[in-house]
Amino acid sequence: MNIVSPAPYRPSTLAEHPELTPEEIGRRFLALIDSLKSFDELSGERVQKVMRLPLIRLSEKDEGFLTMTLPDSAWRYSFGYGVDPKYRRYTNAVLEFINENERINSSLLEDMEAVCGLDFNVYEAALTGMGFKRDDPGDYDELGRLLALQYLRNNVRVQIIPRREANAPDAKLNHACVSEISVHAFGP
C-alpha cells in the first residue's frame, strides 16, 4: 500500500494493472464483503489482505482508494475505504463505476457495457449465497424508479445502486447493471 506521496495523483490504467478489470475488482469486493462476519472486522489490514490493490493513501488515517480508467472509454471505476474508530457510521468501503461524460452532463446515460461484466444479478446472487437478505423492497424515486437496495447479514449492510445498462436497444434498457456497491455498519 502506498504511503502519503508528494507526487500529484493520477488514476491507474489497465496497461499498468491488466489484472484489475472491473469484473476482477468486483469479485474482490464481494470477497471482502463475504469476509466480514461482523462489520467491526472492516479494517485497512483486511482490505489490503482481501482486495490486494495498489491503494493510494493521502493521510495517515486508515483509508485508501484506487481509481482505474478504461482505455478508449469515458468509464472509470473507483474503490475506496475509510475506517473511523471514533464514528462508526463513517466507516465504509465503496466500489463505484463512473462515466466522465455523465459527470460533465448529468442528462446523459452512457452504455455501461464496458463495466457491466458483473451485472446486478451476479452481485445479488453472490450476496444471497453469502447469507445476506434483502432488507426491504428498495428505495424508489417519485417516478417509481429503483434507487437502491439494502442487504443485511448480522451487523453488515450492503447497498447496491442498480441502473439500466443503456437506453437502447430494449435488451440493454431492461438489463440491470450496478453503478455502486458499498458496505456499511447496520445498527448502533
N, C-alpha and C. Protein backbone atom coordinates (compact mmCIF):
# COMPACT_ATOMS: atom_id res chain seq x y z
N MET A 1 0.85 -1.16 0.00
CA MET A 1 0.00 0.00 0.00
C MET A 1 0.89 1.23 0.00
N ASN A 2 0.58 2.19 -0.84
CA ASN A 2 1.36 3.42 -0.89
C ASN A 2 1.13 4.25 0.36
N ILE A 3 2.13 4.96 0.75
CA ILE A 3 2.02 5.90 1.86
C ILE A 3 1.94 7.29 1.25
N VAL A 4 1.61 8.26 2.07
CA VAL A 4 1.44 9.62 1.59
C VAL A 4 2.59 10.00 0.66
N SER A 5 2.24 10.50 -0.53
CA SER A 5 3.24 10.81 -1.54
C SER A 5 3.07 12.25 -2.01
N PRO A 6 4.18 12.97 -2.22
CA PRO A 6 4.07 14.35 -2.70
C PRO A 6 3.74 14.42 -4.20
N ALA A 7 3.84 13.32 -4.92
CA ALA A 7 3.56 13.33 -6.37
C ALA A 7 2.08 13.59 -6.59
N PRO A 8 1.74 14.31 -7.65
CA PRO A 8 0.33 14.55 -7.93
C PRO A 8 -0.39 13.24 -8.27
N TYR A 9 -1.64 13.17 -7.86
CA TYR A 9 -2.41 11.96 -8.09
C TYR A 9 -2.85 11.86 -9.55
N ARG A 10 -2.84 10.64 -10.07
CA ARG A 10 -3.44 10.35 -11.37
C ARG A 10 -4.02 8.95 -11.28
N PRO A 11 -5.15 8.71 -11.97
CA PRO A 11 -5.74 7.38 -11.94
C PRO A 11 -4.81 6.34 -12.55
N SER A 12 -4.96 5.11 -12.11
CA SER A 12 -4.22 3.99 -12.70
C SER A 12 -4.91 3.57 -13.99
N THR A 13 -4.21 2.79 -14.79
CA THR A 13 -4.76 2.32 -16.05
C THR A 13 -4.65 0.80 -16.13
N LEU A 14 -5.43 0.21 -17.02
CA LEU A 14 -5.33 -1.24 -17.23
C LEU A 14 -3.98 -1.63 -17.81
N ALA A 15 -3.32 -0.73 -18.51
CA ALA A 15 -1.99 -1.03 -19.02
C ALA A 15 -1.02 -1.27 -17.85
N GLU A 16 -1.18 -0.52 -16.77
CA GLU A 16 -0.33 -0.69 -15.58
C GLU A 16 -0.71 -1.91 -14.76
N HIS A 17 -2.00 -2.18 -14.69
CA HIS A 17 -2.53 -3.28 -13.86
C HIS A 17 -3.56 -4.06 -14.66
N PRO A 18 -3.13 -4.84 -15.68
CA PRO A 18 -4.09 -5.50 -16.56
C PRO A 18 -5.01 -6.50 -15.85
N GLU A 19 -4.61 -6.97 -14.69
CA GLU A 19 -5.44 -7.91 -13.95
C GLU A 19 -6.61 -7.24 -13.23
N LEU A 20 -6.58 -5.92 -13.09
CA LEU A 20 -7.58 -5.21 -12.30
C LEU A 20 -8.74 -4.70 -13.17
N THR A 21 -9.38 -5.64 -13.85
CA THR A 21 -10.55 -5.31 -14.67
C THR A 21 -11.72 -4.96 -13.75
N PRO A 22 -12.77 -4.34 -14.30
CA PRO A 22 -13.96 -4.07 -13.46
C PRO A 22 -14.51 -5.36 -12.83
N GLU A 23 -14.50 -6.45 -13.59
CA GLU A 23 -15.02 -7.71 -13.06
C GLU A 23 -14.15 -8.24 -11.92
N GLU A 24 -12.83 -8.16 -12.07
CA GLU A 24 -11.94 -8.66 -11.03
C GLU A 24 -12.06 -7.84 -9.75
N ILE A 25 -12.13 -6.55 -9.87
CA ILE A 25 -12.29 -5.73 -8.66
C ILE A 25 -13.65 -6.00 -8.03
N GLY A 26 -14.68 -6.22 -8.84
CA GLY A 26 -15.99 -6.59 -8.31
C GLY A 26 -15.93 -7.90 -7.55
N ARG A 27 -15.25 -8.90 -8.10
CA ARG A 27 -15.11 -10.19 -7.40
C ARG A 27 -14.34 -10.01 -6.08
N ARG A 28 -13.30 -9.21 -6.10
CA ARG A 28 -12.53 -8.98 -4.88
C ARG A 28 -13.36 -8.22 -3.84
N PHE A 29 -14.19 -7.30 -4.31
CA PHE A 29 -15.06 -6.56 -3.38
C PHE A 29 -16.07 -7.51 -2.75
N LEU A 30 -16.64 -8.40 -3.55
CA LEU A 30 -17.56 -9.40 -2.99
C LEU A 30 -16.84 -10.29 -1.98
N ALA A 31 -15.60 -10.65 -2.25
CA ALA A 31 -14.82 -11.45 -1.29
C ALA A 31 -14.60 -10.67 0.00
N LEU A 32 -14.36 -9.37 -0.11
CA LEU A 32 -14.21 -8.53 1.10
C LEU A 32 -15.50 -8.55 1.90
N ILE A 33 -16.63 -8.36 1.23
CA ILE A 33 -17.92 -8.38 1.92
C ILE A 33 -18.12 -9.72 2.62
N ASP A 34 -17.86 -10.81 1.91
CA ASP A 34 -18.05 -12.14 2.47
C ASP A 34 -17.15 -12.38 3.68
N SER A 35 -15.98 -11.77 3.70
CA SER A 35 -15.04 -11.97 4.80
C SER A 35 -15.48 -11.28 6.09
N LEU A 36 -16.47 -10.39 6.01
CA LEU A 36 -16.92 -9.63 7.18
C LEU A 36 -18.07 -10.35 7.88
N LYS A 37 -17.75 -11.15 8.85
CA LYS A 37 -18.82 -11.80 9.64
C LYS A 37 -19.43 -10.79 10.60
N SER A 38 -18.66 -9.77 10.95
CA SER A 38 -19.12 -8.64 11.75
C SER A 38 -18.54 -7.38 11.10
N PHE A 39 -19.31 -6.30 11.11
CA PHE A 39 -18.82 -5.09 10.47
C PHE A 39 -17.56 -4.57 11.15
N ASP A 40 -17.41 -4.87 12.43
CA ASP A 40 -16.23 -4.40 13.16
C ASP A 40 -14.93 -5.01 12.62
N GLU A 41 -15.02 -6.00 11.75
CA GLU A 41 -13.84 -6.60 11.14
C GLU A 41 -13.29 -5.79 9.97
N LEU A 42 -14.04 -4.78 9.52
CA LEU A 42 -13.55 -3.96 8.41
C LEU A 42 -12.38 -3.10 8.90
N SER A 43 -11.23 -3.31 8.29
CA SER A 43 -10.02 -2.58 8.65
C SER A 43 -9.15 -2.45 7.41
N GLY A 44 -8.21 -1.54 7.46
CA GLY A 44 -7.27 -1.40 6.36
C GLY A 44 -6.49 -2.68 6.12
N GLU A 45 -6.14 -3.36 7.19
CA GLU A 45 -5.39 -4.62 7.06
C GLU A 45 -6.23 -5.66 6.32
N ARG A 46 -7.51 -5.77 6.68
CA ARG A 46 -8.38 -6.74 6.00
C ARG A 46 -8.58 -6.34 4.54
N VAL A 47 -8.81 -5.05 4.28
CA VAL A 47 -8.99 -4.57 2.91
C VAL A 47 -7.78 -4.96 2.07
N GLN A 48 -6.60 -4.69 2.58
CA GLN A 48 -5.38 -4.99 1.82
C GLN A 48 -5.19 -6.49 1.61
N LYS A 49 -5.49 -7.28 2.64
CA LYS A 49 -5.32 -8.73 2.54
C LYS A 49 -6.28 -9.33 1.50
N VAL A 50 -7.54 -8.89 1.50
CA VAL A 50 -8.55 -9.47 0.62
C VAL A 50 -8.53 -8.84 -0.77
N MET A 51 -8.44 -7.51 -0.84
CA MET A 51 -8.55 -6.82 -2.12
C MET A 51 -7.25 -6.86 -2.93
N ARG A 52 -6.09 -6.86 -2.25
CA ARG A 52 -4.79 -6.90 -2.93
C ARG A 52 -4.70 -5.84 -4.04
N LEU A 53 -4.92 -4.59 -3.66
CA LEU A 53 -4.90 -3.48 -4.61
C LEU A 53 -3.77 -2.51 -4.28
N PRO A 54 -3.21 -1.84 -5.27
CA PRO A 54 -2.21 -0.80 -5.02
C PRO A 54 -2.91 0.50 -4.59
N LEU A 55 -3.36 0.51 -3.34
CA LEU A 55 -4.14 1.64 -2.84
C LEU A 55 -3.29 2.87 -2.60
N ILE A 56 -3.91 4.01 -2.80
CA ILE A 56 -3.28 5.30 -2.52
C ILE A 56 -3.78 5.77 -1.15
N ARG A 57 -2.87 6.25 -0.34
CA ARG A 57 -3.24 6.83 0.95
C ARG A 57 -2.82 8.29 0.93
N LEU A 58 -3.77 9.15 1.28
CA LEU A 58 -3.48 10.59 1.28
C LEU A 58 -3.18 11.13 2.66
N SER A 59 -3.35 10.30 3.67
CA SER A 59 -3.08 10.74 5.04
C SER A 59 -2.67 9.52 5.86
N GLU A 60 -2.41 9.74 7.09
CA GLU A 60 -2.05 8.65 7.99
C GLU A 60 -3.29 7.93 8.53
N LYS A 61 -4.49 8.39 8.18
CA LYS A 61 -5.71 7.74 8.62
C LYS A 61 -5.84 6.38 7.95
N ASP A 62 -6.71 5.54 8.52
CA ASP A 62 -6.96 4.21 7.97
C ASP A 62 -7.96 4.35 6.83
N GLU A 63 -7.46 4.78 5.67
CA GLU A 63 -8.29 4.97 4.48
C GLU A 63 -7.40 4.88 3.26
N GLY A 64 -8.01 4.53 2.14
CA GLY A 64 -7.26 4.43 0.90
C GLY A 64 -8.20 4.29 -0.28
N PHE A 65 -7.67 4.45 -1.47
CA PHE A 65 -8.51 4.35 -2.66
C PHE A 65 -7.66 3.97 -3.87
N LEU A 66 -8.36 3.54 -4.91
CA LEU A 66 -7.76 3.24 -6.20
C LEU A 66 -8.79 3.61 -7.26
N THR A 67 -8.35 4.33 -8.27
CA THR A 67 -9.20 4.64 -9.41
C THR A 67 -8.53 4.10 -10.65
N MET A 68 -9.31 3.38 -11.47
CA MET A 68 -8.82 2.79 -12.70
C MET A 68 -9.59 3.39 -13.87
N THR A 69 -8.89 3.73 -14.94
CA THR A 69 -9.56 4.19 -16.15
C THR A 69 -9.50 3.09 -17.20
N LEU A 70 -10.55 3.02 -17.99
CA LEU A 70 -10.58 2.05 -19.09
C LEU A 70 -10.06 2.72 -20.35
N PRO A 71 -9.21 2.05 -21.10
CA PRO A 71 -8.68 2.66 -22.32
C PRO A 71 -9.79 2.90 -23.34
N ASP A 72 -9.66 3.97 -24.09
CA ASP A 72 -10.62 4.31 -25.15
C ASP A 72 -12.04 4.35 -24.64
N SER A 73 -12.23 4.85 -23.44
CA SER A 73 -13.55 4.88 -22.83
C SER A 73 -13.62 6.04 -21.84
N ALA A 74 -14.81 6.52 -21.61
CA ALA A 74 -15.01 7.55 -20.58
C ALA A 74 -15.31 6.91 -19.23
N TRP A 75 -15.29 5.57 -19.16
CA TRP A 75 -15.58 4.88 -17.91
C TRP A 75 -14.33 4.75 -17.04
N ARG A 76 -14.58 4.85 -15.74
CA ARG A 76 -13.56 4.56 -14.74
C ARG A 76 -14.25 3.90 -13.57
N TYR A 77 -13.51 3.24 -12.76
CA TYR A 77 -14.08 2.64 -11.57
C TYR A 77 -13.15 2.93 -10.40
N SER A 78 -13.78 3.06 -9.27
CA SER A 78 -13.05 3.51 -8.10
C SER A 78 -13.45 2.67 -6.89
N PHE A 79 -12.44 2.22 -6.16
CA PHE A 79 -12.66 1.55 -4.89
C PHE A 79 -12.06 2.44 -3.81
N GLY A 80 -12.77 2.59 -2.73
CA GLY A 80 -12.25 3.35 -1.60
C GLY A 80 -12.79 2.80 -0.30
N TYR A 81 -12.03 3.00 0.75
CA TYR A 81 -12.50 2.60 2.07
C TYR A 81 -12.01 3.64 3.08
N GLY A 82 -12.70 3.70 4.19
CA GLY A 82 -12.29 4.55 5.30
C GLY A 82 -12.77 3.93 6.60
N VAL A 83 -11.89 3.90 7.60
CA VAL A 83 -12.24 3.37 8.91
C VAL A 83 -12.08 4.49 9.91
N ASP A 84 -13.17 4.83 10.57
CA ASP A 84 -13.16 5.89 11.59
C ASP A 84 -13.52 5.25 12.93
N PRO A 85 -12.52 4.97 13.77
CA PRO A 85 -12.80 4.28 15.03
C PRO A 85 -13.68 5.09 15.98
N LYS A 86 -13.70 6.39 15.82
CA LYS A 86 -14.50 7.24 16.70
C LYS A 86 -15.96 7.29 16.26
N TYR A 87 -16.20 7.37 14.95
CA TYR A 87 -17.55 7.48 14.42
C TYR A 87 -17.79 6.33 13.44
N ARG A 88 -18.33 5.26 13.94
CA ARG A 88 -18.53 4.04 13.15
C ARG A 88 -19.34 4.28 11.88
N ARG A 89 -20.28 5.23 11.95
CA ARG A 89 -21.14 5.49 10.78
C ARG A 89 -20.35 6.02 9.59
N TYR A 90 -19.13 6.50 9.82
CA TYR A 90 -18.29 7.00 8.72
C TYR A 90 -17.35 5.93 8.16
N THR A 91 -17.41 4.73 8.71
CA THR A 91 -16.59 3.62 8.22
C THR A 91 -17.36 2.92 7.10
N ASN A 92 -16.70 2.72 5.97
CA ASN A 92 -17.34 2.04 4.84
C ASN A 92 -16.31 1.65 3.81
N ALA A 93 -16.78 0.91 2.82
CA ALA A 93 -15.99 0.60 1.63
C ALA A 93 -16.96 0.68 0.45
N VAL A 94 -16.45 1.24 -0.67
CA VAL A 94 -17.33 1.54 -1.81
C VAL A 94 -16.62 1.18 -3.11
N LEU A 95 -17.36 0.55 -4.01
CA LEU A 95 -16.92 0.32 -5.39
C LEU A 95 -17.91 1.05 -6.28
N GLU A 96 -17.40 1.95 -7.11
CA GLU A 96 -18.25 2.83 -7.90
C GLU A 96 -17.79 2.85 -9.35
N PHE A 97 -18.75 2.87 -10.26
CA PHE A 97 -18.48 2.95 -11.69
C PHE A 97 -18.96 4.32 -12.18
N ILE A 98 -18.04 5.08 -12.77
CA ILE A 98 -18.30 6.49 -13.10
C ILE A 98 -17.98 6.73 -14.56
N ASN A 99 -18.85 7.48 -15.23
CA ASN A 99 -18.60 7.86 -16.61
C ASN A 99 -18.32 9.35 -16.64
N GLU A 100 -17.17 9.72 -17.19
CA GLU A 100 -16.75 11.12 -17.22
C GLU A 100 -17.74 11.99 -18.01
N ASN A 101 -18.29 11.46 -19.11
CA ASN A 101 -19.26 12.24 -19.89
C ASN A 101 -20.51 12.53 -19.07
N GLU A 102 -20.95 11.55 -18.27
CA GLU A 102 -22.12 11.75 -17.42
C GLU A 102 -21.82 12.73 -16.28
N ARG A 103 -20.60 12.70 -15.80
CA ARG A 103 -20.22 13.63 -14.72
C ARG A 103 -20.31 15.06 -15.23
N ILE A 104 -19.93 15.27 -16.48
CA ILE A 104 -19.97 16.61 -17.08
C ILE A 104 -21.40 16.99 -17.47
N ASN A 105 -22.17 16.03 -17.99
CA ASN A 105 -23.54 16.28 -18.44
C ASN A 105 -24.44 15.25 -17.77
N SER A 106 -25.11 15.62 -16.69
CA SER A 106 -25.89 14.67 -15.91
C SER A 106 -27.13 14.14 -16.64
N SER A 107 -27.48 14.70 -17.77
CA SER A 107 -28.64 14.19 -18.51
C SER A 107 -28.26 13.00 -19.41
N LEU A 108 -26.97 12.72 -19.54
CA LEU A 108 -26.53 11.58 -20.35
C LEU A 108 -26.71 10.27 -19.59
N LEU A 109 -26.92 9.21 -20.34
CA LEU A 109 -26.90 7.86 -19.79
C LEU A 109 -26.07 7.03 -20.76
N GLU A 110 -24.78 6.93 -20.47
CA GLU A 110 -23.85 6.21 -21.34
C GLU A 110 -24.03 4.70 -21.17
N ASP A 111 -23.76 3.95 -22.20
CA ASP A 111 -23.85 2.49 -22.19
C ASP A 111 -22.82 1.94 -21.20
N MET A 112 -23.27 1.12 -20.25
CA MET A 112 -22.41 0.57 -19.20
C MET A 112 -21.73 -0.74 -19.59
N GLU A 113 -21.87 -1.19 -20.81
CA GLU A 113 -21.35 -2.50 -21.19
C GLU A 113 -19.89 -2.69 -20.76
N ALA A 114 -19.08 -1.67 -20.87
CA ALA A 114 -17.65 -1.77 -20.55
C ALA A 114 -17.38 -2.11 -19.09
N VAL A 115 -18.32 -1.77 -18.20
CA VAL A 115 -18.12 -2.01 -16.76
C VAL A 115 -19.21 -2.90 -16.17
N CYS A 116 -19.96 -3.60 -17.02
CA CYS A 116 -21.10 -4.39 -16.55
C CYS A 116 -20.87 -5.89 -16.75
N GLY A 117 -19.62 -6.32 -16.75
CA GLY A 117 -19.34 -7.74 -16.86
C GLY A 117 -19.92 -8.51 -15.70
N LEU A 118 -19.90 -7.93 -14.51
CA LEU A 118 -20.63 -8.45 -13.36
C LEU A 118 -21.87 -7.56 -13.25
N ASP A 119 -23.01 -8.09 -13.61
CA ASP A 119 -24.21 -7.25 -13.59
C ASP A 119 -24.92 -7.37 -12.24
N PHE A 120 -26.06 -6.71 -12.13
CA PHE A 120 -26.82 -6.70 -10.88
C PHE A 120 -27.15 -8.12 -10.43
N ASN A 121 -27.57 -8.97 -11.35
CA ASN A 121 -27.95 -10.34 -10.98
C ASN A 121 -26.78 -11.10 -10.36
N VAL A 122 -25.57 -10.88 -10.86
CA VAL A 122 -24.39 -11.55 -10.30
C VAL A 122 -24.13 -11.07 -8.87
N TYR A 123 -24.17 -9.75 -8.67
CA TYR A 123 -23.94 -9.21 -7.32
C TYR A 123 -25.01 -9.71 -6.35
N GLU A 124 -26.28 -9.66 -6.78
CA GLU A 124 -27.36 -10.08 -5.89
C GLU A 124 -27.26 -11.57 -5.57
N ALA A 125 -26.98 -12.40 -6.57
CA ALA A 125 -26.84 -13.84 -6.33
C ALA A 125 -25.67 -14.13 -5.39
N ALA A 126 -24.58 -13.40 -5.55
CA ALA A 126 -23.42 -13.59 -4.66
C ALA A 126 -23.79 -13.23 -3.22
N LEU A 127 -24.46 -12.10 -3.04
CA LEU A 127 -24.85 -11.68 -1.68
C LEU A 127 -25.82 -12.68 -1.06
N THR A 128 -26.78 -13.13 -1.83
CA THR A 128 -27.74 -14.13 -1.33
C THR A 128 -27.01 -15.41 -0.96
N GLY A 129 -26.06 -15.81 -1.79
CA GLY A 129 -25.27 -17.00 -1.49
C GLY A 129 -24.43 -16.87 -0.24
N MET A 130 -24.09 -15.64 0.12
CA MET A 130 -23.32 -15.38 1.35
C MET A 130 -24.21 -15.32 2.59
N GLY A 131 -25.52 -15.39 2.39
CA GLY A 131 -26.43 -15.33 3.52
C GLY A 131 -27.04 -13.97 3.77
N PHE A 132 -26.82 -13.03 2.86
CA PHE A 132 -27.44 -11.72 3.01
C PHE A 132 -28.91 -11.81 2.61
N LYS A 133 -29.75 -11.07 3.30
CA LYS A 133 -31.17 -10.98 3.00
C LYS A 133 -31.49 -9.55 2.59
N ARG A 134 -32.37 -9.42 1.61
CA ARG A 134 -32.79 -8.08 1.20
C ARG A 134 -33.58 -7.48 2.36
N ASP A 135 -33.22 -6.26 2.74
CA ASP A 135 -33.81 -5.61 3.91
C ASP A 135 -35.23 -5.13 3.65
N ASP A 136 -35.48 -4.64 2.47
CA ASP A 136 -36.79 -4.08 2.14
C ASP A 136 -36.98 -4.16 0.63
N PRO A 137 -38.13 -3.75 0.12
CA PRO A 137 -38.32 -3.85 -1.33
C PRO A 137 -37.48 -2.86 -2.13
N GLY A 138 -36.80 -1.96 -1.48
CA GLY A 138 -35.94 -1.00 -2.17
C GLY A 138 -36.40 0.44 -1.97
N ASP A 139 -35.51 1.34 -2.35
CA ASP A 139 -35.80 2.77 -2.29
C ASP A 139 -36.12 3.22 -3.71
N TYR A 140 -37.25 3.93 -3.87
CA TYR A 140 -37.71 4.37 -5.19
C TYR A 140 -37.86 5.88 -5.22
N ASP A 141 -37.69 6.46 -6.41
CA ASP A 141 -37.92 7.89 -6.55
C ASP A 141 -39.39 8.15 -6.85
N GLU A 142 -39.74 9.42 -7.03
CA GLU A 142 -41.14 9.80 -7.25
C GLU A 142 -41.73 9.25 -8.54
N LEU A 143 -40.90 8.81 -9.47
CA LEU A 143 -41.38 8.22 -10.72
C LEU A 143 -41.42 6.69 -10.65
N GLY A 144 -41.11 6.13 -9.51
CA GLY A 144 -41.13 4.68 -9.34
C GLY A 144 -39.88 3.97 -9.78
N ARG A 145 -38.80 4.72 -10.04
CA ARG A 145 -37.53 4.09 -10.44
C ARG A 145 -36.77 3.64 -9.20
N LEU A 146 -36.21 2.44 -9.30
CA LEU A 146 -35.44 1.88 -8.19
C LEU A 146 -34.15 2.66 -8.00
N LEU A 147 -33.92 3.15 -6.79
CA LEU A 147 -32.71 3.91 -6.50
C LEU A 147 -31.64 3.07 -5.80
N ALA A 148 -32.07 2.23 -4.86
CA ALA A 148 -31.09 1.46 -4.09
C ALA A 148 -31.76 0.27 -3.43
N LEU A 149 -30.96 -0.76 -3.21
CA LEU A 149 -31.40 -1.94 -2.47
C LEU A 149 -30.44 -2.16 -1.31
N GLN A 150 -30.99 -2.62 -0.19
CA GLN A 150 -30.19 -2.87 1.01
C GLN A 150 -30.23 -4.37 1.32
N TYR A 151 -29.08 -4.92 1.70
CA TYR A 151 -28.97 -6.33 2.07
C TYR A 151 -28.31 -6.40 3.45
N LEU A 152 -28.77 -7.31 4.30
CA LEU A 152 -28.27 -7.40 5.67
C LEU A 152 -27.81 -8.81 6.00
N ARG A 153 -26.72 -8.87 6.76
CA ARG A 153 -26.25 -10.11 7.38
C ARG A 153 -25.58 -9.69 8.67
N ASN A 154 -26.09 -10.17 9.79
CA ASN A 154 -25.59 -9.76 11.11
C ASN A 154 -25.63 -8.23 11.19
N ASN A 155 -24.50 -7.58 11.46
CA ASN A 155 -24.50 -6.12 11.52
C ASN A 155 -23.80 -5.50 10.31
N VAL A 156 -23.81 -6.24 9.19
CA VAL A 156 -23.21 -5.75 7.94
C VAL A 156 -24.35 -5.40 6.98
N ARG A 157 -24.33 -4.18 6.46
CA ARG A 157 -25.32 -3.72 5.49
C ARG A 157 -24.62 -3.44 4.17
N VAL A 158 -25.14 -4.00 3.10
CA VAL A 158 -24.62 -3.76 1.75
C VAL A 158 -25.69 -3.00 0.98
N GLN A 159 -25.28 -1.95 0.34
CA GLN A 159 -26.20 -1.18 -0.51
C GLN A 159 -25.76 -1.32 -1.96
N ILE A 160 -26.71 -1.62 -2.83
CA ILE A 160 -26.45 -1.66 -4.27
C ILE A 160 -27.29 -0.59 -4.93
N ILE A 161 -26.65 0.20 -5.77
CA ILE A 161 -27.36 1.18 -6.60
C ILE A 161 -27.34 0.63 -8.02
N PRO A 162 -28.49 0.06 -8.44
CA PRO A 162 -28.54 -0.50 -9.79
C PRO A 162 -28.87 0.58 -10.81
N ARG A 163 -28.63 0.27 -12.07
CA ARG A 163 -29.09 1.14 -13.15
C ARG A 163 -29.11 0.34 -14.44
N ARG A 164 -29.95 0.77 -15.35
CA ARG A 164 -30.04 0.05 -16.62
C ARG A 164 -28.74 0.23 -17.39
N GLU A 165 -28.45 -0.76 -18.23
CA GLU A 165 -27.20 -0.74 -18.97
C GLU A 165 -27.14 0.43 -19.95
N ALA A 166 -28.25 0.67 -20.66
CA ALA A 166 -28.31 1.77 -21.63
C ALA A 166 -29.77 2.05 -21.98
N ASN A 167 -30.01 3.12 -22.71
CA ASN A 167 -31.36 3.47 -23.12
C ASN A 167 -31.88 2.64 -24.28
N ALA A 168 -31.02 2.05 -25.05
CA ALA A 168 -31.43 1.25 -26.22
C ALA A 168 -30.30 0.29 -26.53
N PRO A 169 -30.54 -0.81 -27.15
CA PRO A 169 -31.83 -1.41 -27.50
C PRO A 169 -32.54 -1.94 -26.25
N ASP A 170 -33.73 -2.53 -26.44
CA ASP A 170 -34.53 -2.99 -25.30
C ASP A 170 -33.76 -3.95 -24.39
N ALA A 171 -32.93 -4.81 -24.97
CA ALA A 171 -32.17 -5.75 -24.14
C ALA A 171 -31.30 -5.02 -23.14
N LYS A 172 -30.71 -3.90 -23.55
CA LYS A 172 -29.87 -3.12 -22.62
C LYS A 172 -30.73 -2.25 -21.70
N LEU A 173 -31.86 -1.79 -22.20
CA LEU A 173 -32.78 -1.00 -21.39
C LEU A 173 -33.29 -1.82 -20.21
N ASN A 174 -33.49 -3.11 -20.43
CA ASN A 174 -34.03 -3.99 -19.40
C ASN A 174 -32.97 -4.79 -18.66
N HIS A 175 -31.69 -4.52 -18.93
CA HIS A 175 -30.60 -5.22 -18.27
C HIS A 175 -30.06 -4.36 -17.14
N ALA A 176 -30.08 -4.88 -15.92
CA ALA A 176 -29.63 -4.11 -14.75
C ALA A 176 -28.14 -4.31 -14.50
N CYS A 177 -27.43 -3.20 -14.47
CA CYS A 177 -26.01 -3.17 -14.08
C CYS A 177 -25.93 -2.58 -12.68
N VAL A 178 -24.75 -2.32 -12.20
CA VAL A 178 -24.54 -1.72 -10.88
C VAL A 178 -23.68 -0.49 -11.05
N SER A 179 -24.18 0.65 -10.56
CA SER A 179 -23.35 1.86 -10.61
C SER A 179 -22.54 2.02 -9.32
N GLU A 180 -23.02 1.40 -8.23
CA GLU A 180 -22.27 1.47 -6.97
C GLU A 180 -22.70 0.34 -6.05
N ILE A 181 -21.74 -0.20 -5.33
CA ILE A 181 -22.00 -1.16 -4.26
C ILE A 181 -21.12 -0.74 -3.08
N SER A 182 -21.73 -0.74 -1.89
CA SER A 182 -20.99 -0.29 -0.71
C SER A 182 -21.37 -1.13 0.50
N VAL A 183 -20.47 -1.15 1.48
CA VAL A 183 -20.69 -1.89 2.70
C VAL A 183 -20.59 -0.91 3.87
N HIS A 184 -21.57 -1.06 4.82
CA HIS A 184 -21.70 -0.14 5.94
C HIS A 184 -22.08 -0.95 7.19
N ALA A 185 -22.03 -0.27 8.31
CA ALA A 185 -22.50 -0.87 9.57
C ALA A 185 -24.01 -0.84 9.60
N PHE A 186 -24.60 -1.86 10.20
CA PHE A 186 -26.03 -1.87 10.44
C PHE A 186 -26.24 -1.86 11.95
N GLY A 187 -27.02 -0.94 12.40
CA GLY A 187 -27.29 -0.83 13.83
C GLY A 187 -26.31 0.08 14.53
N PRO A 188 -26.47 0.18 15.83
CA PRO A 188 -25.62 1.11 16.62
C PRO A 188 -24.18 0.67 16.71
